[in-house]
Amino acid sequence: MKSISIKAFAVYTNSDLNAGGGREFVKARFTKEEDAIKAGYKGYVQGLNCPVKEETVTVEVFESYEEYNNPKITKAVQDKKLTREEIEFIKNNL
């Protein structure tokens, strides 16, 4: 399993746009700050602009179908118990 990270600009809004007493959540993420600002225009509580925060988004991705389809390999990789060489050995000898 491999981690991929990207810098993004998150547009936050609230589930209660009248009083702001609701849950705050990410409405959308953009690679360009100016696009995030446009998307958040007057979209927040009482017609205010949505807050835009820079963040790093990280996702875990499988490097092969075999890795995805073998729960033992997946769990071991997530727990960081196997090296790449060990994973390749397991894949080649299953």
PDB file of N, CA and C in Angstrom:
ATOM      1  N   MET A   1       0.848  -1.159   0.000  1.00  0.00           N
ATOM      2  CA  MET A   1       0.000   0.000   0.000  1.00  0.00           C
ATOM      3  C   MET A   1       0.898   1.227   0.000  1.00  0.00           C
ATOM      4  N   LYS A   2       0.452   2.252  -0.683  1.00  0.00           N
ATOM      5  CA  LYS A   2       1.255   3.440  -0.867  1.00  0.00           C
ATOM      6  C   LYS A   2       0.439   4.661  -0.447  1.00  0.00           C
ATOM      7  N   SER A   3       1.080   5.622   0.189  1.00  0.00           N
ATOM      8  CA  SER A   3       0.423   6.872   0.558  1.00  0.00           C
ATOM      9  C   SER A   3       0.718   7.928  -0.492  1.00  0.00           C
ATOM     10  N   ILE A   4      -0.317   8.651  -0.894  1.00  0.00           N
ATOM     11  CA  ILE A   4      -0.162   9.759  -1.830  1.00  0.00           C
ATOM     12  C   ILE A   4      -0.703  11.005  -1.143  1.00  0.00           C
ATOM     13  N   SER A   5       0.092  12.082  -1.127  1.00  0.00           N
ATOM     14  CA  SER A   5      -0.322  13.331  -0.494  1.00  0.00           C
ATOM     15  C   SER A   5      -0.347  14.451  -1.513  1.00  0.00           C
ATOM     16  N   ILE A   6      -1.292  15.375  -1.327  1.00  0.00           N
ATOM     17  CA  ILE A   6      -1.407  16.529  -2.202  1.00  0.00           C
ATOM     18  C   ILE A   6      -1.844  17.730  -1.375  1.00  0.00           C
ATOM     19  N   LYS A   7      -1.311  18.895  -1.705  1.00  0.00           N
ATOM     20  CA  LYS A   7      -1.727  20.122  -1.045  1.00  0.00           C
ATOM     21  C   LYS A   7      -3.060  20.540  -1.663  1.00  0.00           C
ATOM     22  N   ALA A   8      -4.022  20.874  -0.816  1.00  0.00           N
ATOM     23  CA  ALA A   8      -5.345  21.259  -1.304  1.00  0.00           C
ATOM     24  C   ALA A   8      -5.877  22.425  -0.483  1.00  0.00           C
ATOM     25  N   PHE A   9      -6.864  23.107  -1.046  1.00  0.00           N
ATOM     26  CA  PHE A   9      -7.557  24.186  -0.361  1.00  0.00           C
ATOM     27  C   PHE A   9      -8.982  23.726  -0.127  1.00  0.00           C
ATOM     28  N   ALA A  10      -9.343  23.575   1.146  1.00  0.00           N
ATOM     29  CA  ALA A  10     -10.654  23.054   1.517  1.00  0.00           C
ATOM     30  C   ALA A  10     -11.621  24.205   1.769  1.00  0.00           C
ATOM     31  N   VAL A  11     -12.829  24.076   1.208  1.00  0.00           N
ATOM     32  CA  VAL A  11     -13.903  25.048   1.411  1.00  0.00           C
ATOM     33  C   VAL A  11     -14.833  24.461   2.467  1.00  0.00           C
ATOM     34  N   TYR A  12     -14.958  25.158   3.586  1.00  0.00           N
ATOM     35  CA  TYR A  12     -15.801  24.683   4.687  1.00  0.00           C
ATOM     36  C   TYR A  12     -17.146  25.379   4.678  1.00  0.00           C
ATOM     37  N   THR A  13     -18.195  24.636   5.019  1.00  0.00           N
ATOM     38  CA  THR A  13     -19.522  25.209   5.191  1.00  0.00           C
ATOM     39  C   THR A  13     -20.133  24.593   6.439  1.00  0.00           C
ATOM     40  N   ASN A  14     -21.382  24.959   6.727  1.00  0.00           N
ATOM     41  CA  ASN A  14     -22.044  24.514   7.940  1.00  0.00           C
ATOM     42  C   ASN A  14     -23.400  23.941   7.563  1.00  0.00           C
ATOM     43  N   SER A  15     -23.835  22.922   8.271  1.00  0.00           N
ATOM     44  CA  SER A  15     -25.132  22.314   7.952  1.00  0.00           C
ATOM     45  C   SER A  15     -26.305  23.216   8.353  1.00  0.00           C
ATOM     46  N   ASP A  16     -26.057  24.214   9.201  1.00  0.00           N
ATOM     47  CA  ASP A  16     -27.089  25.187   9.579  1.00  0.00           C
ATOM     48  C   ASP A  16     -26.643  26.558   9.082  1.00  0.00           C
ATOM     49  N   LEU A  17     -27.115  26.938   7.905  1.00  0.00           N
ATOM     50  CA  LEU A  17     -26.680  28.199   7.315  1.00  0.00           C
ATOM     51  C   LEU A  17     -27.390  29.416   7.918  1.00  0.00           C
ATOM     52  N   ASN A  18     -28.424  29.206   8.724  1.00  0.00           N
ATOM     53  CA  ASN A  18     -29.119  30.333   9.360  1.00  0.00           C
ATOM     54  C   ASN A  18     -28.354  30.859  10.564  1.00  0.00           C
ATOM     55  N   ALA A  19     -28.082  29.983  11.541  1.00  0.00           N
ATOM     56  CA  ALA A  19     -27.458  30.428  12.784  1.00  0.00           C
ATOM     57  C   ALA A  19     -26.051  29.880  12.989  1.00  0.00           C
ATOM     58  N   GLY A  20     -25.647  28.904  12.199  1.00  0.00           N
ATOM     59  CA  GLY A  20     -24.305  28.344  12.330  1.00  0.00           C
ATOM     60  C   GLY A  20     -24.157  27.345  13.452  1.00  0.00           C
ATOM     61  N   GLY A  21     -25.283  26.836  13.958  1.00  0.00           N
ATOM     62  CA  GLY A  21     -25.220  25.890  15.064  1.00  0.00           C
ATOM     63  C   GLY A  21     -25.043  24.452  14.631  1.00  0.00           C
ATOM     64  N   GLY A  22     -24.946  24.226  13.346  1.00  0.00           N
ATOM     65  CA  GLY A  22     -24.835  22.859  12.843  1.00  0.00           C
ATOM     66  C   GLY A  22     -23.404  22.362  12.793  1.00  0.00           C
ATOM     67  N   ARG A  23     -23.230  21.324  12.026  1.00  0.00           N
ATOM     68  CA  ARG A  23     -21.927  20.663  11.876  1.00  0.00           C
ATOM     69  C   ARG A  23     -21.158  21.328  10.738  1.00  0.00           C
ATOM     70  N   GLU A  24     -19.893  21.632  10.976  1.00  0.00           N
ATOM     71  CA  GLU A  24     -19.042  22.179   9.919  1.00  0.00           C
ATOM     72  C   GLU A  24     -18.442  21.023   9.128  1.00  0.00           C
ATOM     73  N   PHE A  25     -18.401  21.156   7.805  1.00  0.00           N
ATOM     74  CA  PHE A  25     -17.859  20.095   6.965  1.00  0.00           C
ATOM     75  C   PHE A  25     -17.220  20.683   5.715  1.00  0.00           C
ATOM     76  N   VAL A  26     -16.403  19.871   5.053  1.00  0.00           N
ATOM     77  CA  VAL A  26     -15.746  20.288   3.813  1.00  0.00           C
ATOM     78  C   VAL A  26     -16.744  20.158   2.665  1.00  0.00           C
ATOM     79  N   LYS A  27     -16.980  21.261   1.999  1.00  0.00           N
ATOM     80  CA  LYS A  27     -17.894  21.312   0.854  1.00  0.00           C
ATOM     81  C   LYS A  27     -17.180  20.818  -0.415  1.00  0.00           C
ATOM     82  N   ALA A  28     -15.907  21.215  -0.555  1.00  0.00           N
ATOM     83  CA  ALA A  28     -15.121  20.822  -1.735  1.00  0.00           C
ATOM     84  C   ALA A  28     -13.645  21.102  -1.453  1.00  0.00           C
ATOM     85  N   ARG A  29     -12.783  20.465  -2.243  1.00  0.00           N
ATOM     86  CA  ARG A  29     -11.340  20.718  -2.171  1.00  0.00           C
ATOM     87  C   ARG A  29     -10.841  21.076  -3.569  1.00  0.00           C
ATOM     88  N   PHE A  30      -9.893  22.004  -3.619  1.00  0.00           N
ATOM     89  CA  PHE A  30      -9.340  22.475  -4.883  1.00  0.00           C
ATOM     90  C   PHE A  30      -7.821  22.521  -4.810  1.00  0.00           C
ATOM     91  N   THR A  31      -7.178  22.442  -5.961  1.00  0.00           N
ATOM     92  CA  THR A  31      -5.727  22.576  -6.003  1.00  0.00           C
ATOM     93  C   THR A  31      -5.319  24.044  -6.053  1.00  0.00           C
ATOM     94  N   LYS A  32      -6.230  24.915  -6.486  1.00  0.00           N
ATOM     95  CA  LYS A  32      -5.936  26.349  -6.568  1.00  0.00           C
ATOM     96  C   LYS A  32      -6.768  27.101  -5.538  1.00  0.00           C
ATOM     97  N   GLU A  33      -6.101  27.967  -4.775  1.00  0.00           N
ATOM     98  CA  GLU A  33      -6.799  28.728  -3.738  1.00  0.00           C
ATOM     99  C   GLU A  33      -7.874  29.635  -4.318  1.00  0.00           C
ATOM    100  N   GLU A  34      -7.596  30.259  -5.452  1.00  0.00           N
ATOM    101  CA  GLU A  34      -8.587  31.181  -6.038  1.00  0.00           C
ATOM    102  C   GLU A  34      -9.880  30.451  -6.438  1.00  0.00           C
ATOM    103  N   ASP A  35      -9.760  29.190  -6.864  1.00  0.00           N
ATOM    104  CA  ASP A  35     -10.963  28.404  -7.185  1.00  0.00           C
ATOM    105  C   ASP A  35     -11.753  28.076  -5.923  1.00  0.00           C
ATOM    106  N   ALA A  36     -11.049  27.787  -4.845  1.00  0.00           N
ATOM    107  CA  ALA A  36     -11.718  27.502  -3.574  1.00  0.00           C
ATOM    108  C   ALA A  36     -12.471  28.729  -3.077  1.00  0.00           C
ATOM    109  N   ILE A  37     -11.855  29.889  -3.206  1.00  0.00           N
ATOM    110  CA  ILE A  37     -12.503  31.137  -2.776  1.00  0.00           C
ATOM    111  C   ILE A  37     -13.765  31.393  -3.601  1.00  0.00           C
ATOM    112  N   LYS A  38     -13.676  31.176  -4.912  1.00  0.00           N
ATOM    113  CA  LYS A  38     -14.860  31.345  -5.777  1.00  0.00           C
ATOM    114  C   LYS A  38     -15.983  30.399  -5.371  1.00  0.00           C
ATOM    115  N   ALA A  39     -15.635  29.148  -5.094  1.00  0.00           N
ATOM    116  CA  ALA A  39     -16.642  28.143  -4.732  1.00  0.00           C
ATOM    117  C   ALA A  39     -17.299  28.461  -3.395  1.00  0.00           C
ATOM    118  N   GLY A  40     -16.591  29.163  -2.527  1.00  0.00           N
ATOM    119  CA  GLY A  40     -17.129  29.481  -1.207  1.00  0.00           C
ATOM    120  C   GLY A  40     -17.830  30.814  -1.108  1.00  0.00           C
ATOM    121  N   TYR A  41     -17.929  31.520  -2.230  1.00  0.00           N
ATOM    122  CA  TYR A  41     -18.541  32.855  -2.229  1.00  0.00           C
ATOM    123  C   TYR A  41     -19.975  32.807  -1.712  1.00  0.00           C
ATOM    124  N   LYS A  42     -20.216  33.494  -0.609  1.00  0.00           N
ATOM    125  CA  LYS A  42     -21.543  33.620   0.018  1.00  0.00           C
ATOM    126  C   LYS A  42     -22.215  32.274   0.287  1.00  0.00           C
ATOM    127  N   GLY A  43     -21.424  31.259   0.569  1.00  0.00           N
ATOM    128  CA  GLY A  43     -21.979  29.926   0.791  1.00  0.00           C
ATOM    129  C   GLY A  43     -21.931  29.479   2.245  1.00  0.00           C
ATOM    130  N   TYR A  44     -21.680  30.442   3.147  1.00  0.00           N
ATOM    131  CA  TYR A  44     -21.526  30.079   4.560  1.00  0.00           C
ATOM    132  C   TYR A  44     -22.701  30.621   5.367  1.00  0.00           C
ATOM    133  N   VAL A  45     -22.600  30.546   6.661  1.00  0.00           N
ATOM    134  CA  VAL A  45     -23.650  30.987   7.580  1.00  0.00           C
ATOM    135  C   VAL A  45     -24.024  32.442   7.303  1.00  0.00           C
ATOM    136  N   GLN A  46     -25.329  32.706   7.218  1.00  0.00           N
ATOM    137  CA  GLN A  46     -25.902  34.031   6.987  1.00  0.00           C
ATOM    138  C   GLN A  46     -25.317  34.733   5.764  1.00  0.00           C
ATOM    139  N   GLY A  47     -24.992  33.953   4.735  1.00  0.00           N
ATOM    140  CA  GLY A  47     -24.528  34.517   3.470  1.00  0.00           C
ATOM    141  C   GLY A  47     -23.086  34.989   3.458  1.00  0.00           C
ATOM    142  N   LEU A  48     -22.339  34.653   4.495  1.00  0.00           N
ATOM    143  CA  LEU A  48     -20.917  35.006   4.502  1.00  0.00           C
ATOM    144  C   LEU A  48     -20.150  34.082   3.556  1.00  0.00           C
ATOM    145  N   ASN A  49     -18.922  34.475   3.235  1.00  0.00           N
ATOM    146  CA  ASN A  49     -18.072  33.612   2.420  1.00  0.00           C
ATOM    147  C   ASN A  49     -17.576  32.444   3.257  1.00  0.00           C
ATOM    148  N   CYS A  50     -17.476  31.293   2.632  1.00  0.00           N
ATOM    149  CA  CYS A  50     -16.986  30.101   3.326  1.00  0.00           C
ATOM    150  C   CYS A  50     -15.514  30.265   3.696  1.00  0.00           C
ATOM    151  N   PRO A  51     -15.122  29.762   4.872  1.00  0.00           N
ATOM    152  CA  PRO A  51     -13.701  29.736   5.195  1.00  0.00           C
ATOM    153  C   PRO A  51     -12.969  28.774   4.249  1.00  0.00           C
ATOM    154  N   VAL A  52     -11.768  29.156   3.867  1.00  0.00           N
ATOM    155  CA  VAL A  52     -10.921  28.308   3.019  1.00  0.00           C
ATOM    156  C   VAL A  52      -9.645  28.036   3.797  1.00  0.00           C
ATOM    157  N   LYS A  53      -9.310  26.760   3.944  1.00  0.00           N
ATOM    158  CA  LYS A  53      -8.124  26.374   4.705  1.00  0.00           C
ATOM    159  C   LYS A  53      -7.214  25.505   3.848  1.00  0.00           C
ATOM    160  N   GLU A  54      -5.920  25.792   3.900  1.00  0.00           N
ATOM    161  CA  GLU A  54      -4.947  24.960   3.197  1.00  0.00           C
ATOM    162  C   GLU A  54      -4.692  23.711   4.034  1.00  0.00           C
ATOM    163  N   GLU A  55      -4.670  22.569   3.377  1.00  0.00           N
ATOM    164  CA  GLU A  55      -4.425  21.317   4.089  1.00  0.00           C
ATOM    165  C   GLU A  55      -3.723  20.336   3.166  1.00  0.00           C
ATOM    166  N   THR A  56      -3.149  19.322   3.769  1.00  0.00           N
ATOM    167  CA  THR A  56      -2.552  18.235   3.000  1.00  0.00           C
ATOM    168  C   THR A  56      -3.483  17.033   3.089  1.00  0.00           C
ATOM    169  N   VAL A  57      -3.898  16.548   1.936  1.00  0.00           N
ATOM    170  CA  VAL A  57      -4.799  15.401   1.875  1.00  0.00           C
ATOM    171  C   VAL A  57      -3.956  14.174   1.529  1.00  0.00           C
ATOM    172  N   THR A  58      -4.079  13.137   2.338  1.00  0.00           N
ATOM    173  CA  THR A  58      -3.326  11.900   2.124  1.00  0.00           C
ATOM    174  C   THR A  58      -4.297  10.743   1.946  1.00  0.00           C
ATOM    175  N   VAL A  59      -4.077   9.963   0.918  1.00  0.00           N
ATOM    176  CA  VAL A  59      -4.886   8.764   0.685  1.00  0.00           C
ATOM    177  C   VAL A  59      -3.971   7.553   0.572  1.00  0.00           C
ATOM    178  N   GLU A  60      -4.505   6.415   0.948  1.00  0.00           N
ATOM    179  CA  GLU A  60      -3.787   5.155   0.827  1.00  0.00           C
ATOM    180  C   GLU A  60      -4.309   4.449  -0.425  1.00  0.00           C
ATOM    181  N   VAL A  61      -3.410   4.007  -1.283  1.00  0.00           N
ATOM    182  CA  VAL A  61      -3.807   3.316  -2.507  1.00  0.00           C
ATOM    183  C   VAL A  61      -3.086   1.976  -2.611  1.00  0.00           C
ATOM    184  N   PHE A  62      -3.768   1.015  -3.195  1.00  0.00           N
ATOM    185  CA  PHE A  62      -3.157  -0.294  -3.436  1.00  0.00           C
ATOM    186  C   PHE A  62      -2.266  -0.201  -4.662  1.00  0.00           C
ATOM    187  N   GLU A  63      -1.163  -0.926  -4.627  1.00  0.00           N
ATOM    188  CA  GLU A  63      -0.241  -0.921  -5.760  1.00  0.00           C
ATOM    189  C   GLU A  63      -0.534  -2.036  -6.750  1.00  0.00           C
ATOM    190  N   SER A  64      -1.419  -2.968  -6.368  1.00  0.00           N
ATOM    191  CA  SER A  64      -1.784  -4.038  -7.285  1.00  0.00           C
ATOM    192  C   SER A  64      -3.085  -4.677  -6.820  1.00  0.00           C
ATOM    193  N   TYR A  65      -3.714  -5.404  -7.726  1.00  0.00           N
ATOM    194  CA  TYR A  65      -4.929  -6.130  -7.366  1.00  0.00           C
ATOM    195  C   TYR A  65      -4.616  -7.230  -6.359  1.00  0.00           C
ATOM    196  N   GLU A  66      -3.462  -7.859  -6.511  1.00  0.00           N
ATOM    197  CA  GLU A  66      -3.077  -8.934  -5.601  1.00  0.00           C
ATOM    198  C   GLU A  66      -2.964  -8.417  -4.164  1.00  0.00           C
ATOM    199  N   GLU A  67      -2.418  -7.248  -4.015  1.00  0.00           N
ATOM    200  CA  GLU A  67      -2.299  -6.651  -2.682  1.00  0.00           C
ATOM    201  C   GLU A  67      -3.694  -6.378  -2.104  1.00  0.00           C
ATOM    202  N   TYR A  68      -4.589  -5.869  -2.928  1.00  0.00           N
ATOM    203  CA  TYR A  68      -5.963  -5.596  -2.504  1.00  0.00           C
ATOM    204  C   TYR A  68      -6.712  -6.873  -2.143  1.00  0.00           C
ATOM    205  N   ASN A  69      -6.504  -7.894  -2.941  1.00  0.00           N
ATOM    206  CA  ASN A  69      -7.283  -9.124  -2.823  1.00  0.00           C
ATOM    207  C   ASN A  69      -6.763 -10.072  -1.741  1.00  0.00           C
ATOM    208  N   ASN A  70      -5.621  -9.806  -1.159  1.00  0.00           N
ATOM    209  CA  ASN A  70      -5.071 -10.673  -0.123  1.00  0.00           C
ATOM    210  C   ASN A  70      -5.100  -9.931   1.212  1.00  0.00           C
ATOM    211  N   PRO A  71      -6.090 -10.206   2.059  1.00  0.00           N
ATOM    212  CA  PRO A  71      -6.239  -9.476   3.319  1.00  0.00           C
ATOM    213  C   PRO A  71      -5.020  -9.565   4.234  1.00  0.00           C
ATOM    214  N   LYS A  72      -4.298 -10.690   4.197  1.00  0.00           N
ATOM    215  CA  LYS A  72      -3.118 -10.829   5.054  1.00  0.00           C
ATOM    216  C   LYS A  72      -2.038  -9.832   4.647  1.00  0.00           C
ATOM    217  N   ILE A  73      -1.818  -9.703   3.342  1.00  0.00           N
ATOM    218  CA  ILE A  73      -0.820  -8.748   2.866  1.00  0.00           C
ATOM    219  C   ILE A  73      -1.270  -7.337   3.204  1.00  0.00           C
ATOM    220  N   THR A  74      -2.526  -7.035   2.926  1.00  0.00           N
ATOM    221  CA  THR A  74      -3.043  -5.692   3.183  1.00  0.00           C
ATOM    222  C   THR A  74      -2.891  -5.317   4.647  1.00  0.00           C
ATOM    223  N   LYS A  75      -3.300  -6.195   5.543  1.00  0.00           N
ATOM    224  CA  LYS A  75      -3.205  -5.916   6.985  1.00  0.00           C
ATOM    225  C   LYS A  75      -1.752  -5.748   7.407  1.00  0.00           C
ATOM    226  N   ALA A  76      -0.878  -6.613   6.927  1.00  0.00           N
ATOM    227  CA  ALA A  76       0.533  -6.531   7.289  1.00  0.00           C
ATOM    228  C   ALA A  76       1.155  -5.229   6.790  1.00  0.00           C
ATOM    229  N   VAL A  77       0.811  -4.817   5.578  1.00  0.00           N
ATOM    230  CA  VAL A  77       1.346  -3.569   5.034  1.00  0.00           C
ATOM    231  C   VAL A  77       0.822  -2.388   5.844  1.00  0.00           C
ATOM    232  N   GLN A  78      -0.475  -2.398   6.163  1.00  0.00           N
ATOM    233  CA  GLN A  78      -1.046  -1.315   6.961  1.00  0.00           C
ATOM    234  C   GLN A  78      -0.390  -1.227   8.330  1.00  0.00           C
ATOM    235  N   ASP A  79      -0.084  -2.374   8.911  1.00  0.00           N
ATOM    236  CA  ASP A  79       0.575  -2.403  10.214  1.00  0.00           C
ATOM    237  C   ASP A  79       2.088  -2.210  10.091  1.00  0.00           C
ATOM    238  N   LYS A  80       2.573  -2.064   8.852  1.00  0.00           N
ATOM    239  CA  LYS A  80       3.993  -1.856   8.568  1.00  0.00           C
ATOM    240  C   LYS A  80       4.860  -3.011   9.073  1.00  0.00           C
ATOM    241  N   LYS A  81       4.323  -4.227   8.939  1.00  0.00           N
ATOM    242  CA  LYS A  81       5.061  -5.394   9.421  1.00  0.00           C
ATOM    243  C   LYS A  81       5.852  -6.095   8.325  1.00  0.00           C
ATOM    244  N   LEU A  82       5.579  -5.781   7.064  1.00  0.00           N
ATOM    245  CA  LEU A  82       6.282  -6.430   5.967  1.00  0.00           C
ATOM    246  C   LEU A  82       7.023  -5.404   5.127  1.00  0.00           C
ATOM    247  N   THR A  83       8.190  -5.799   4.653  1.00  0.00           N
ATOM    248  CA  THR A  83       8.938  -4.949   3.736  1.00  0.00           C
ATOM    249  C   THR A  83       8.432  -5.211   2.315  1.00  0.00           C
ATOM    250  N   ARG A  84       8.797  -4.371   1.383  1.00  0.00           N
ATOM    251  CA  ARG A  84       8.414  -4.563  -0.026  1.00  0.00           C
ATOM    252  C   ARG A  84       8.930  -5.905  -0.545  1.00  0.00           C
ATOM    253  N   GLU A  85      10.133  -6.261  -0.159  1.00  0.00           N
ATOM    254  CA  GLU A  85      10.719  -7.528  -0.618  1.00  0.00           C
ATOM    255  C   GLU A  85       9.912  -8.716  -0.098  1.00  0.00           C
ATOM    256  N   GLU A  86       9.466  -8.628   1.145  1.00  0.00           N
ATOM    257  CA  GLU A  86       8.666  -9.701   1.716  1.00  0.00           C
ATOM    258  C   GLU A  86       7.306  -9.817   1.007  1.00  0.00           C
ATOM    259  N   ILE A  87       6.721  -8.690   0.687  1.00  0.00           N
ATOM    260  CA  ILE A  87       5.439  -8.695  -0.030  1.00  0.00           C
ATOM    261  C   ILE A  87       5.603  -9.337  -1.406  1.00  0.00           C
ATOM    262  N   GLU A  88       6.676  -8.956  -2.114  1.00  0.00           N
ATOM    263  CA  GLU A  88       6.922  -9.538  -3.433  1.00  0.00           C
ATOM    264  C   GLU A  88       7.125 -11.037  -3.338  1.00  0.00           C
ATOM    265  N   PHE A  89       7.849 -11.486  -2.321  1.00  0.00           N
ATOM    266  CA  PHE A  89       8.063 -12.904  -2.132  1.00  0.00           C
ATOM    267  C   PHE A  89       6.732 -13.626  -1.928  1.00  0.00           C
ATOM    268  N   ILE A  90       5.870 -13.090  -1.091  1.00  0.00           N
ATOM    269  CA  ILE A  90       4.568 -13.695  -0.825  1.00  0.00           C
ATOM    270  C   ILE A  90       3.729 -13.748  -2.108  1.00  0.00           C
ATOM    271  N   LYS A  91       3.701 -12.642  -2.842  1.00  0.00           N
ATOM    272  CA  LYS A  91       2.916 -12.584  -4.078  1.00  0.00           C
ATOM    273  C   LYS A  91       3.384 -13.647  -5.074  1.00  0.00           C
ATOM    274  N   ASN A  92       4.700 -13.789  -5.187  1.00  0.00           N
ATOM    275  CA  ASN A  92       5.256 -14.707  -6.159  1.00  0.00           C
ATOM    276  C   ASN A  92       5.168 -16.178  -5.753  1.00  0.00           C
ATOM    277  N   ASN A  93       4.895 -16.436  -4.478  1.00  0.00           N
ATOM    278  CA  ASN A  93       4.885 -17.810  -3.997  1.00  0.00           C
ATOM    279  C   ASN A  93       3.528 -18.261  -3.446  1.00  0.00           C
ATOM    280  N   LEU A  94       2.489 -17.532  -3.740  1.00  0.00           N
ATOM    281  CA  LEU A  94       1.149 -17.928  -3.269  1.00  0.00           C
ATOM    282  C   LEU A  94       0.590 -19.040  -4.131  1.00  0.00           C
TER     283      LEU A  94
END
